[in-house]
């Protein structure tokens, strides 16, 4: 109370103060950085985290990897089965990603049917193992769902790039991971590709 009185009456930093429950503040703060459909982090938060991670790696001489994932033929399935089914697919993939990453990793919905995962202190080959595990789990999950009577067959393709091996800025790391993703798409989909020059 004394601090509140000081900031409103003496220092006058607060001109229109409001008291808010901490849990409500945290819920509001979390909603600002979360994709409402998947529960993963949103693109803005991902961009901030990637910049911070690259800066941290640069400062301490460490490495980090980025996985970019894209659902194969999502648009045609979404058009055929409808948007509610497409939303369900995105939610399912979001849940699978949360289950397959470490607490220090950042899993985000990058946009549309594209997802991204920042893997601190992880080299490309270790990132490949993670991405391949996710790819096979997505394939198994939707095969199982399809066998249970749901007409959903979904696979995912992935691209991997690392700092500093492949690029030295956040935008360049994303661009390299995207290049690897497009290579996986061109080579038949349902694949994970590592960036190489």
N, C-alpha and C. Protein backbone atom coordinates (compact mmCIF):
# COMPACT_ATOMS: atom_id res chain seq x y z
N UNK A 1 0.83 -1.19 0.00
CA UNK A 1 0.00 0.00 0.00
C UNK A 1 0.87 1.25 0.00
N UNK A 2 1.94 1.22 0.78
CA UNK A 2 2.84 2.38 0.85
C UNK A 2 3.47 2.65 -0.51
N UNK A 3 3.90 1.60 -1.21
CA UNK A 3 4.49 1.77 -2.54
C UNK A 3 3.46 2.33 -3.51
N UNK A 4 2.26 1.82 -3.46
CA UNK A 4 1.17 2.30 -4.32
C UNK A 4 0.92 3.79 -4.05
N UNK A 5 0.86 4.17 -2.79
CA UNK A 5 0.64 5.57 -2.42
C UNK A 5 1.79 6.44 -2.92
N UNK A 6 3.02 5.96 -2.77
CA UNK A 6 4.19 6.72 -3.23
C UNK A 6 4.13 6.94 -4.75
N UNK A 7 3.83 5.89 -5.52
CA UNK A 7 3.83 5.99 -6.98
C UNK A 7 2.67 6.82 -7.52
N UNK A 8 1.59 6.95 -6.76
CA UNK A 8 0.46 7.75 -7.24
C UNK A 8 0.49 9.18 -6.71
N UNK A 9 0.93 9.37 -5.49
CA UNK A 9 0.83 10.70 -4.88
C UNK A 9 2.14 11.46 -4.78
N UNK A 10 3.26 10.79 -4.62
CA UNK A 10 4.53 11.48 -4.45
C UNK A 10 5.30 11.52 -5.77
N UNK A 11 5.61 10.35 -6.32
CA UNK A 11 6.39 10.27 -7.54
C UNK A 11 5.53 10.53 -8.78
N UNK A 12 4.29 10.23 -8.70
CA UNK A 12 3.28 10.44 -9.75
C UNK A 12 3.60 9.70 -11.06
N UNK A 13 4.22 8.53 -10.94
CA UNK A 13 4.44 7.69 -12.13
C UNK A 13 3.15 7.06 -12.61
N UNK A 14 2.26 6.81 -11.68
CA UNK A 14 0.98 6.20 -12.02
C UNK A 14 -0.10 7.27 -11.98
N UNK A 15 -0.76 7.46 -13.10
CA UNK A 15 -1.82 8.48 -13.13
C UNK A 15 -3.21 7.87 -13.11
N UNK A 16 -3.34 6.65 -13.60
CA UNK A 16 -4.64 5.98 -13.61
C UNK A 16 -4.44 4.52 -13.23
N UNK A 17 -4.03 4.25 -11.97
CA UNK A 17 -3.68 2.88 -11.59
C UNK A 17 -4.91 1.98 -11.48
N UNK A 18 -4.67 0.70 -11.73
CA UNK A 18 -5.72 -0.31 -11.58
C UNK A 18 -5.10 -1.48 -10.82
N UNK A 19 -5.88 -2.07 -9.99
CA UNK A 19 -5.44 -3.26 -9.28
C UNK A 19 -5.98 -4.46 -10.05
N UNK A 20 -5.08 -5.41 -10.31
CA UNK A 20 -5.49 -6.59 -11.07
C UNK A 20 -4.93 -7.83 -10.39
N UNK A 21 -5.71 -8.87 -10.38
CA UNK A 21 -5.28 -10.14 -9.81
C UNK A 21 -4.12 -10.69 -10.63
N UNK A 22 -3.10 -11.20 -9.96
CA UNK A 22 -1.91 -11.69 -10.64
C UNK A 22 -2.25 -12.79 -11.65
N UNK A 23 -3.13 -13.70 -11.30
CA UNK A 23 -3.50 -14.78 -12.22
C UNK A 23 -4.17 -14.22 -13.48
N UNK A 24 -4.96 -13.17 -13.33
CA UNK A 24 -5.60 -12.54 -14.49
C UNK A 24 -4.56 -11.85 -15.36
N UNK A 25 -3.59 -11.19 -14.74
CA UNK A 25 -2.50 -10.55 -15.48
C UNK A 25 -1.72 -11.59 -16.27
N UNK A 26 -1.36 -12.70 -15.61
CA UNK A 26 -0.60 -13.75 -16.28
C UNK A 26 -1.38 -14.37 -17.43
N UNK A 27 -2.68 -14.55 -17.25
CA UNK A 27 -3.53 -15.10 -18.31
C UNK A 27 -3.56 -14.13 -19.50
N UNK A 28 -3.69 -12.86 -19.23
CA UNK A 28 -3.70 -11.85 -20.29
C UNK A 28 -2.35 -11.79 -21.00
N UNK A 29 -1.28 -11.84 -20.22
CA UNK A 29 0.06 -11.81 -20.80
C UNK A 29 0.28 -13.05 -21.67
N UNK A 30 -0.13 -14.21 -21.21
CA UNK A 30 0.03 -15.46 -21.97
C UNK A 30 -0.77 -15.41 -23.27
N UNK A 31 -1.98 -14.85 -23.24
CA UNK A 31 -2.80 -14.80 -24.45
C UNK A 31 -2.19 -13.89 -25.51
N UNK A 32 -1.37 -12.93 -25.09
CA UNK A 32 -0.74 -12.03 -26.05
C UNK A 32 0.38 -12.70 -26.84
N UNK A 33 0.90 -13.82 -26.34
CA UNK A 33 2.01 -14.49 -27.02
C UNK A 33 1.63 -15.89 -27.51
N UNK A 34 0.37 -16.25 -27.40
CA UNK A 34 -0.08 -17.60 -27.72
C UNK A 34 -1.02 -17.60 -28.92
N UNK A 35 -0.86 -18.59 -29.77
CA UNK A 35 -1.80 -18.82 -30.86
C UNK A 35 -3.06 -19.43 -30.26
N UNK A 36 -4.19 -18.80 -30.47
CA UNK A 36 -5.42 -19.23 -29.79
C UNK A 36 -5.90 -20.61 -30.23
N UNK A 37 -5.58 -21.03 -31.44
CA UNK A 37 -6.08 -22.31 -31.95
C UNK A 37 -5.25 -23.49 -31.44
N UNK A 38 -3.93 -23.39 -31.51
CA UNK A 38 -3.07 -24.52 -31.20
C UNK A 38 -2.54 -24.52 -29.77
N UNK A 39 -2.54 -23.36 -29.12
CA UNK A 39 -1.95 -23.25 -27.80
C UNK A 39 -0.44 -23.10 -27.82
N UNK A 40 0.15 -23.12 -29.02
CA UNK A 40 1.59 -22.90 -29.16
C UNK A 40 1.86 -21.40 -29.10
N UNK A 41 3.13 -21.02 -29.05
CA UNK A 41 3.46 -19.61 -29.12
C UNK A 41 3.10 -19.07 -30.50
N UNK A 42 2.83 -17.76 -30.59
CA UNK A 42 2.49 -17.16 -31.88
C UNK A 42 3.75 -16.66 -32.59
N UNK A 43 3.56 -16.18 -33.79
CA UNK A 43 4.67 -15.76 -34.64
C UNK A 43 5.48 -14.62 -34.02
N UNK A 44 4.80 -13.66 -33.43
CA UNK A 44 5.51 -12.53 -32.82
C UNK A 44 6.44 -12.98 -31.70
N UNK A 45 5.95 -13.86 -30.86
CA UNK A 45 6.77 -14.36 -29.76
C UNK A 45 7.92 -15.21 -30.29
N UNK A 46 7.64 -16.01 -31.31
CA UNK A 46 8.69 -16.80 -31.95
C UNK A 46 9.81 -15.89 -32.46
N UNK A 47 9.44 -14.83 -33.19
CA UNK A 47 10.45 -13.91 -33.72
C UNK A 47 11.31 -13.33 -32.61
N UNK A 48 10.68 -12.91 -31.51
CA UNK A 48 11.43 -12.36 -30.37
C UNK A 48 12.37 -13.40 -29.78
N UNK A 49 11.88 -14.62 -29.61
CA UNK A 49 12.70 -15.68 -29.01
C UNK A 49 13.88 -16.05 -29.91
N UNK A 50 13.65 -16.09 -31.22
CA UNK A 50 14.74 -16.44 -32.12
C UNK A 50 15.84 -15.37 -32.08
N UNK A 51 15.46 -14.11 -32.06
CA UNK A 51 16.46 -13.03 -31.95
C UNK A 51 17.26 -13.16 -30.66
N UNK A 52 16.56 -13.41 -29.56
CA UNK A 52 17.25 -13.54 -28.27
C UNK A 52 18.18 -14.75 -28.27
N UNK A 53 17.71 -15.85 -28.84
CA UNK A 53 18.53 -17.06 -28.87
C UNK A 53 19.78 -16.88 -29.72
N UNK A 54 19.64 -16.25 -30.89
CA UNK A 54 20.82 -16.00 -31.74
C UNK A 54 21.79 -15.08 -31.01
N UNK A 55 21.29 -14.05 -30.35
CA UNK A 55 22.16 -13.15 -29.58
C UNK A 55 22.87 -13.90 -28.46
N UNK A 56 22.15 -14.78 -27.78
CA UNK A 56 22.74 -15.56 -26.69
C UNK A 56 23.84 -16.49 -27.24
N UNK A 57 23.54 -17.14 -28.35
CA UNK A 57 24.53 -18.03 -28.97
C UNK A 57 25.77 -17.26 -29.40
N UNK A 58 25.57 -16.10 -29.97
CA UNK A 58 26.69 -15.28 -30.43
C UNK A 58 27.56 -14.88 -29.23
N UNK A 59 26.92 -14.48 -28.14
CA UNK A 59 27.64 -14.02 -26.96
C UNK A 59 28.43 -15.15 -26.30
N UNK A 60 27.85 -16.34 -26.24
CA UNK A 60 28.50 -17.44 -25.52
C UNK A 60 29.13 -18.50 -26.42
N UNK A 61 29.16 -18.25 -27.73
CA UNK A 61 29.79 -19.19 -28.65
C UNK A 61 29.07 -20.52 -28.74
N UNK A 62 27.76 -20.49 -28.67
CA UNK A 62 26.98 -21.72 -28.71
C UNK A 62 26.26 -21.87 -30.04
N UNK A 63 25.59 -22.99 -30.20
CA UNK A 63 24.84 -23.25 -31.41
C UNK A 63 23.37 -23.46 -31.07
N UNK A 64 22.53 -23.24 -32.06
CA UNK A 64 21.09 -23.50 -31.92
C UNK A 64 20.59 -23.94 -33.28
N UNK A 65 19.53 -24.72 -33.27
CA UNK A 65 18.93 -25.17 -34.53
C UNK A 65 17.49 -24.73 -34.61
N UNK A 66 17.02 -24.65 -35.85
CA UNK A 66 15.64 -24.29 -36.11
C UNK A 66 15.02 -25.36 -37.00
N UNK A 67 13.85 -25.83 -36.60
CA UNK A 67 13.07 -26.75 -37.42
C UNK A 67 11.85 -25.99 -37.91
N UNK A 68 11.60 -26.04 -39.21
CA UNK A 68 10.37 -25.49 -39.78
C UNK A 68 9.59 -26.67 -40.35
N UNK A 69 8.33 -26.78 -39.96
CA UNK A 69 7.47 -27.88 -40.39
C UNK A 69 6.27 -27.34 -41.14
N UNK A 70 5.84 -28.06 -42.16
CA UNK A 70 4.67 -27.65 -42.94
C UNK A 70 3.82 -28.88 -43.21
N UNK A 71 2.53 -28.79 -42.92
CA UNK A 71 1.62 -29.91 -43.17
C UNK A 71 1.47 -30.11 -44.67
N UNK A 72 1.65 -31.35 -45.12
CA UNK A 72 1.58 -31.67 -46.55
C UNK A 72 0.13 -31.66 -47.03
N UNK A 73 -0.11 -30.95 -48.13
CA UNK A 73 -1.43 -30.92 -48.78
C UNK A 73 -2.56 -30.52 -47.83
N UNK A 74 -2.25 -29.67 -46.87
CA UNK A 74 -3.26 -29.27 -45.89
C UNK A 74 -4.41 -28.53 -46.56
N UNK A 75 -4.11 -27.65 -47.49
CA UNK A 75 -5.16 -26.83 -48.10
C UNK A 75 -6.20 -27.70 -48.81
N UNK A 76 -5.76 -28.70 -49.56
CA UNK A 76 -6.72 -29.54 -50.27
C UNK A 76 -7.58 -30.34 -49.28
N UNK A 77 -6.97 -30.84 -48.21
CA UNK A 77 -7.74 -31.55 -47.19
C UNK A 77 -8.69 -30.63 -46.46
N UNK A 78 -8.25 -29.43 -46.19
CA UNK A 78 -9.09 -28.45 -45.51
C UNK A 78 -10.29 -28.09 -46.38
N UNK A 79 -10.05 -27.91 -47.69
CA UNK A 79 -11.15 -27.59 -48.61
C UNK A 79 -12.12 -28.76 -48.73
N UNK A 80 -11.59 -29.97 -48.72
CA UNK A 80 -12.43 -31.17 -48.89
C UNK A 80 -13.22 -31.49 -47.63
N UNK A 81 -12.58 -31.39 -46.47
CA UNK A 81 -13.22 -31.81 -45.22
C UNK A 81 -13.83 -30.67 -44.42
N UNK A 82 -13.47 -29.44 -44.75
CA UNK A 82 -14.05 -28.28 -44.05
C UNK A 82 -13.11 -27.70 -43.02
N UNK A 83 -13.35 -26.44 -42.70
CA UNK A 83 -12.48 -25.70 -41.77
C UNK A 83 -12.50 -26.25 -40.35
N UNK A 84 -13.64 -26.71 -39.82
CA UNK A 84 -13.59 -27.29 -38.47
C UNK A 84 -12.64 -28.49 -38.38
N UNK A 85 -12.63 -29.33 -39.40
CA UNK A 85 -11.70 -30.47 -39.42
C UNK A 85 -10.27 -29.96 -39.54
N UNK A 86 -10.05 -28.96 -40.39
CA UNK A 86 -8.71 -28.37 -40.51
C UNK A 86 -8.24 -27.80 -39.19
N UNK A 87 -9.12 -27.12 -38.48
CA UNK A 87 -8.75 -26.58 -37.16
C UNK A 87 -8.40 -27.70 -36.19
N UNK A 88 -9.15 -28.80 -36.26
CA UNK A 88 -8.87 -29.95 -35.40
C UNK A 88 -7.49 -30.53 -35.70
N UNK A 89 -7.13 -30.60 -36.98
CA UNK A 89 -5.81 -31.09 -37.37
C UNK A 89 -4.72 -30.19 -36.79
N UNK A 90 -4.89 -28.88 -36.91
CA UNK A 90 -3.90 -27.95 -36.39
C UNK A 90 -3.76 -28.09 -34.87
N UNK A 91 -4.88 -28.24 -34.16
CA UNK A 91 -4.83 -28.44 -32.71
C UNK A 91 -4.09 -29.73 -32.36
N UNK A 92 -4.40 -30.81 -33.11
CA UNK A 92 -3.73 -32.09 -32.86
C UNK A 92 -2.22 -31.98 -33.06
N UNK A 93 -1.80 -31.33 -34.12
CA UNK A 93 -0.37 -31.15 -34.39
C UNK A 93 0.26 -30.30 -33.29
N UNK A 94 -0.43 -29.26 -32.86
CA UNK A 94 0.07 -28.44 -31.76
C UNK A 94 0.31 -29.26 -30.50
N UNK A 95 -0.64 -30.13 -30.16
CA UNK A 95 -0.48 -31.00 -28.99
C UNK A 95 0.71 -31.95 -29.16
N UNK A 96 0.87 -32.52 -30.35
CA UNK A 96 1.99 -33.42 -30.61
C UNK A 96 3.33 -32.70 -30.44
N UNK A 97 3.39 -31.46 -30.93
CA UNK A 97 4.65 -30.70 -30.80
C UNK A 97 4.98 -30.44 -29.33
N UNK A 98 4.00 -30.04 -28.56
CA UNK A 98 4.23 -29.76 -27.15
C UNK A 98 4.77 -31.00 -26.44
N UNK A 99 4.27 -32.16 -26.81
CA UNK A 99 4.71 -33.41 -26.18
C UNK A 99 6.12 -33.82 -26.60
N UNK A 100 6.62 -33.33 -27.72
CA UNK A 100 7.89 -33.80 -28.27
C UNK A 100 9.05 -32.83 -28.10
N UNK A 101 8.84 -31.70 -27.45
CA UNK A 101 9.93 -30.73 -27.27
C UNK A 101 10.29 -30.59 -25.80
N UNK A 102 11.51 -30.13 -25.56
CA UNK A 102 11.97 -29.89 -24.19
C UNK A 102 11.41 -28.57 -23.67
N UNK A 103 11.51 -28.37 -22.37
CA UNK A 103 11.03 -27.13 -21.77
C UNK A 103 11.78 -25.91 -22.30
N UNK A 104 13.05 -26.07 -22.67
CA UNK A 104 13.83 -24.91 -23.15
C UNK A 104 13.57 -24.60 -24.62
N UNK A 105 12.91 -25.51 -25.34
CA UNK A 105 12.62 -25.29 -26.75
C UNK A 105 11.42 -24.36 -26.90
N UNK A 106 11.32 -23.72 -28.04
CA UNK A 106 10.20 -22.83 -28.32
C UNK A 106 9.47 -23.36 -29.54
N UNK A 107 8.26 -23.88 -29.32
CA UNK A 107 7.43 -24.38 -30.42
C UNK A 107 6.36 -23.35 -30.71
N UNK A 108 6.23 -22.98 -31.99
CA UNK A 108 5.30 -21.91 -32.37
C UNK A 108 4.54 -22.27 -33.64
N UNK A 109 3.36 -21.71 -33.74
CA UNK A 109 2.65 -21.74 -35.02
C UNK A 109 3.19 -20.56 -35.81
N UNK A 110 3.90 -20.87 -36.86
CA UNK A 110 4.58 -19.85 -37.64
C UNK A 110 3.61 -19.11 -38.55
N UNK A 111 2.58 -19.80 -39.00
CA UNK A 111 1.56 -19.19 -39.84
C UNK A 111 0.81 -20.28 -40.59
N UNK A 112 -0.48 -20.13 -40.76
CA UNK A 112 -1.26 -21.10 -41.51
C UNK A 112 -1.04 -22.50 -40.99
N UNK A 113 -0.51 -23.38 -41.86
CA UNK A 113 -0.23 -24.76 -41.46
C UNK A 113 1.26 -24.99 -41.27
N UNK A 114 1.98 -23.93 -40.96
CA UNK A 114 3.43 -24.02 -40.77
C UNK A 114 3.78 -23.80 -39.30
N UNK A 115 4.72 -24.60 -38.81
CA UNK A 115 5.15 -24.56 -37.43
C UNK A 115 6.66 -24.40 -37.38
N UNK A 116 7.18 -23.88 -36.27
CA UNK A 116 8.62 -23.71 -36.12
C UNK A 116 9.01 -24.06 -34.69
N UNK A 117 10.20 -24.63 -34.56
CA UNK A 117 10.71 -25.01 -33.24
C UNK A 117 12.16 -24.53 -33.13
N UNK A 118 12.43 -23.72 -32.11
CA UNK A 118 13.79 -23.28 -31.80
C UNK A 118 14.37 -24.27 -30.80
N UNK A 119 15.54 -24.82 -31.12
CA UNK A 119 16.20 -25.80 -30.25
C UNK A 119 17.52 -25.22 -29.77
N UNK A 120 17.54 -24.60 -28.58
CA UNK A 120 18.79 -24.06 -28.05
C UNK A 120 19.81 -25.16 -27.80
N UNK A 121 21.09 -24.81 -27.97
CA UNK A 121 22.20 -25.71 -27.68
C UNK A 121 22.03 -27.06 -28.37
N UNK A 122 21.61 -27.01 -29.63
CA UNK A 122 21.34 -28.24 -30.39
C UNK A 122 21.97 -28.13 -31.76
N UNK A 123 22.76 -29.13 -32.13
CA UNK A 123 23.36 -29.18 -33.46
C UNK A 123 22.37 -29.75 -34.46
N UNK A 124 22.71 -29.58 -35.74
CA UNK A 124 21.79 -30.00 -36.82
C UNK A 124 21.37 -31.45 -36.74
N UNK A 125 22.31 -32.36 -36.51
CA UNK A 125 21.96 -33.79 -36.51
C UNK A 125 21.03 -34.14 -35.35
N UNK A 126 21.23 -33.51 -34.22
CA UNK A 126 20.30 -33.73 -33.10
C UNK A 126 18.93 -33.15 -33.43
N UNK A 127 18.91 -32.00 -34.10
CA UNK A 127 17.64 -31.41 -34.53
C UNK A 127 16.95 -32.32 -35.54
N UNK A 128 17.74 -32.96 -36.38
CA UNK A 128 17.17 -33.91 -37.35
C UNK A 128 16.46 -35.05 -36.63
N UNK A 129 17.06 -35.56 -35.58
CA UNK A 129 16.45 -36.65 -34.81
C UNK A 129 15.11 -36.19 -34.24
N UNK A 130 15.07 -34.98 -33.68
CA UNK A 130 13.82 -34.44 -33.14
C UNK A 130 12.78 -34.29 -34.25
N UNK A 131 13.18 -33.69 -35.36
CA UNK A 131 12.25 -33.45 -36.47
C UNK A 131 11.73 -34.76 -37.05
N UNK A 132 12.60 -35.73 -37.18
CA UNK A 132 12.18 -37.03 -37.72
C UNK A 132 11.21 -37.73 -36.77
N UNK A 133 11.46 -37.60 -35.48
CA UNK A 133 10.54 -38.16 -34.49
C UNK A 133 9.16 -37.51 -34.61
N UNK A 134 9.14 -36.20 -34.76
CA UNK A 134 7.86 -35.48 -34.92
C UNK A 134 7.18 -35.91 -36.21
N UNK A 135 7.95 -35.96 -37.31
CA UNK A 135 7.38 -36.34 -38.60
C UNK A 135 6.72 -37.72 -38.53
N UNK A 136 7.42 -38.68 -37.95
CA UNK A 136 6.86 -40.03 -37.88
C UNK A 136 5.68 -40.10 -36.92
N UNK A 137 5.71 -39.33 -35.84
CA UNK A 137 4.59 -39.31 -34.90
C UNK A 137 3.34 -38.70 -35.54
N UNK A 138 3.51 -37.64 -36.32
CA UNK A 138 2.36 -37.04 -37.03
C UNK A 138 1.77 -38.06 -37.99
N UNK A 139 2.63 -38.73 -38.74
CA UNK A 139 2.15 -39.72 -39.70
C UNK A 139 1.39 -40.85 -38.98
N UNK A 140 1.96 -41.38 -37.89
CA UNK A 140 1.31 -42.46 -37.13
C UNK A 140 -0.01 -42.00 -36.53
N UNK A 141 -0.02 -40.80 -35.96
CA UNK A 141 -1.22 -40.29 -35.31
C UNK A 141 -2.38 -40.20 -36.30
N UNK A 142 -2.12 -39.64 -37.48
CA UNK A 142 -3.22 -39.47 -38.43
C UNK A 142 -3.58 -40.78 -39.13
N UNK A 143 -2.65 -41.72 -39.25
CA UNK A 143 -3.00 -43.06 -39.75
C UNK A 143 -3.96 -43.74 -38.77
N UNK A 144 -3.62 -43.63 -37.48
CA UNK A 144 -4.46 -44.22 -36.44
C UNK A 144 -5.84 -43.57 -36.46
N UNK A 145 -5.86 -42.25 -36.59
CA UNK A 145 -7.14 -41.53 -36.61
C UNK A 145 -7.97 -41.97 -37.82
N UNK A 146 -7.31 -42.13 -38.96
CA UNK A 146 -7.99 -42.55 -40.17
C UNK A 146 -8.54 -43.96 -40.01
N UNK A 147 -7.79 -44.84 -39.35
CA UNK A 147 -8.27 -46.21 -39.15
C UNK A 147 -9.43 -46.27 -38.17
N UNK A 148 -9.59 -45.24 -37.36
CA UNK A 148 -10.72 -45.17 -36.42
C UNK A 148 -11.97 -44.56 -37.06
N UNK A 149 -11.92 -44.35 -38.38
CA UNK A 149 -13.11 -43.86 -39.08
C UNK A 149 -13.07 -42.40 -39.47
N UNK A 150 -12.04 -41.66 -39.08
CA UNK A 150 -11.91 -40.26 -39.48
C UNK A 150 -11.20 -40.24 -40.83
N UNK A 151 -11.72 -39.50 -41.76
CA UNK A 151 -11.14 -39.47 -43.10
C UNK A 151 -10.03 -38.42 -43.19
N UNK A 152 -9.01 -38.60 -42.34
CA UNK A 152 -7.92 -37.62 -42.29
C UNK A 152 -6.60 -38.36 -42.46
N UNK A 153 -5.92 -38.07 -43.54
CA UNK A 153 -4.55 -38.55 -43.73
C UNK A 153 -3.68 -37.31 -43.82
N UNK A 154 -2.75 -37.21 -42.89
CA UNK A 154 -1.93 -36.00 -42.84
C UNK A 154 -0.48 -36.39 -42.58
N UNK A 155 0.42 -35.75 -43.31
CA UNK A 155 1.85 -35.90 -43.06
C UNK A 155 2.46 -34.50 -42.98
N UNK A 156 3.71 -34.47 -42.58
CA UNK A 156 4.39 -33.19 -42.42
C UNK A 156 5.79 -33.29 -43.03
N UNK A 157 6.23 -32.20 -43.62
CA UNK A 157 7.59 -32.09 -44.13
C UNK A 157 8.34 -31.08 -43.27
N UNK A 158 9.66 -31.25 -43.18
CA UNK A 158 10.43 -30.36 -42.33
C UNK A 158 11.74 -29.93 -42.94
N UNK A 159 12.20 -28.77 -42.50
CA UNK A 159 13.50 -28.24 -42.89
C UNK A 159 14.26 -27.80 -41.66
N UNK A 160 15.58 -27.99 -41.68
CA UNK A 160 16.41 -27.68 -40.52
C UNK A 160 17.58 -26.79 -40.95
N UNK A 161 17.86 -25.79 -40.14
CA UNK A 161 19.05 -24.96 -40.30
C UNK A 161 19.60 -24.65 -38.91
N UNK A 162 20.87 -24.32 -38.85
CA UNK A 162 21.51 -24.07 -37.56
C UNK A 162 22.31 -22.78 -37.58
N UNK A 163 22.39 -22.17 -36.39
CA UNK A 163 23.29 -21.04 -36.16
C UNK A 163 24.49 -21.59 -35.42
N UNK A 164 25.70 -21.26 -35.77
CA UNK A 164 26.16 -20.37 -36.82
C UNK A 164 26.54 -21.10 -38.11
N UNK A 165 26.39 -22.43 -38.17
CA UNK A 165 26.85 -23.19 -39.33
C UNK A 165 26.21 -22.71 -40.64
N UNK A 166 24.92 -22.44 -40.61
CA UNK A 166 24.21 -22.14 -41.85
C UNK A 166 23.93 -20.66 -42.07
N UNK A 167 23.84 -19.91 -41.03
CA UNK A 167 23.50 -18.48 -41.14
C UNK A 167 23.84 -17.79 -39.84
N UNK A 168 23.99 -16.46 -39.90
CA UNK A 168 24.38 -15.73 -38.70
C UNK A 168 23.39 -14.67 -38.25
N UNK A 169 22.19 -14.66 -38.83
CA UNK A 169 21.13 -13.76 -38.38
C UNK A 169 19.83 -14.55 -38.26
N UNK A 170 18.89 -14.10 -37.45
CA UNK A 170 17.62 -14.81 -37.33
C UNK A 170 16.91 -14.98 -38.67
N UNK A 171 16.82 -13.92 -39.47
CA UNK A 171 16.13 -14.01 -40.76
C UNK A 171 16.82 -15.01 -41.69
N UNK A 172 18.14 -15.03 -41.67
CA UNK A 172 18.87 -15.95 -42.54
C UNK A 172 18.70 -17.39 -42.09
N UNK A 173 18.65 -17.63 -40.79
CA UNK A 173 18.41 -19.00 -40.29
C UNK A 173 17.04 -19.48 -40.74
N UNK A 174 16.03 -18.62 -40.63
CA UNK A 174 14.68 -18.98 -41.09
C UNK A 174 14.69 -19.26 -42.59
N UNK A 175 15.36 -18.41 -43.36
CA UNK A 175 15.41 -18.60 -44.82
C UNK A 175 16.08 -19.92 -45.18
N UNK A 176 17.15 -20.29 -44.46
CA UNK A 176 17.84 -21.56 -44.74
C UNK A 176 16.96 -22.75 -44.37
N UNK A 177 16.26 -22.66 -43.25
CA UNK A 177 15.35 -23.74 -42.86
C UNK A 177 14.22 -23.88 -43.88
N UNK A 178 13.73 -22.74 -44.38
CA UNK A 178 12.70 -22.78 -45.42
C UNK A 178 13.22 -23.44 -46.70
N UNK A 179 14.46 -23.12 -47.08
CA UNK A 179 15.05 -23.76 -48.26
C UNK A 179 15.09 -25.28 -48.10
N UNK A 180 15.48 -25.73 -46.91
CA UNK A 180 15.52 -27.17 -46.65
C UNK A 180 14.10 -27.75 -46.69
N UNK A 181 13.13 -27.02 -46.17
CA UNK A 181 11.74 -27.48 -46.20
C UNK A 181 11.25 -27.63 -47.64
N UNK A 182 11.54 -26.64 -48.48
CA UNK A 182 11.10 -26.72 -49.88
C UNK A 182 11.76 -27.90 -50.59
N UNK A 183 13.01 -28.21 -50.22
CA UNK A 183 13.68 -29.36 -50.81
C UNK A 183 12.94 -30.65 -50.42
N UNK A 184 12.53 -30.73 -49.15
CA UNK A 184 11.77 -31.91 -48.70
C UNK A 184 10.45 -32.02 -49.45
N UNK A 185 9.80 -30.90 -49.69
CA UNK A 185 8.52 -30.91 -50.44
C UNK A 185 8.76 -31.37 -51.87
N UNK A 186 9.82 -30.86 -52.50
CA UNK A 186 10.12 -31.24 -53.89
C UNK A 186 10.49 -32.71 -54.02
N UNK A 187 11.08 -33.27 -52.97
CA UNK A 187 11.54 -34.65 -53.02
C UNK A 187 10.48 -35.66 -52.60
N UNK A 188 9.23 -35.24 -52.52
CA UNK A 188 8.16 -36.20 -52.29
C UNK A 188 7.33 -35.99 -51.04
N UNK A 189 7.65 -35.03 -50.20
CA UNK A 189 6.91 -34.73 -48.99
C UNK A 189 7.07 -35.83 -47.95
N UNK A 190 6.55 -35.57 -46.76
CA UNK A 190 6.67 -36.49 -45.63
C UNK A 190 8.15 -36.82 -45.37
N UNK A 191 9.00 -35.80 -45.51
CA UNK A 191 10.44 -35.92 -45.34
C UNK A 191 10.96 -34.78 -44.47
N UNK A 192 12.15 -34.99 -43.91
CA UNK A 192 12.86 -33.92 -43.22
C UNK A 192 14.17 -33.71 -43.94
N UNK A 193 14.50 -32.47 -44.24
CA UNK A 193 15.73 -32.14 -44.97
C UNK A 193 16.56 -31.15 -44.16
N UNK A 194 17.86 -31.35 -44.16
CA UNK A 194 18.79 -30.43 -43.50
C UNK A 194 19.35 -29.49 -44.57
N UNK A 195 19.47 -28.21 -44.23
CA UNK A 195 20.03 -27.25 -45.17
C UNK A 195 21.47 -27.60 -45.49
N UNK A 196 21.82 -27.52 -46.74
CA UNK A 196 23.23 -27.59 -47.14
C UNK A 196 23.41 -26.68 -48.35
N UNK A 197 24.61 -26.19 -48.52
CA UNK A 197 24.90 -25.25 -49.59
C UNK A 197 25.11 -25.99 -50.89
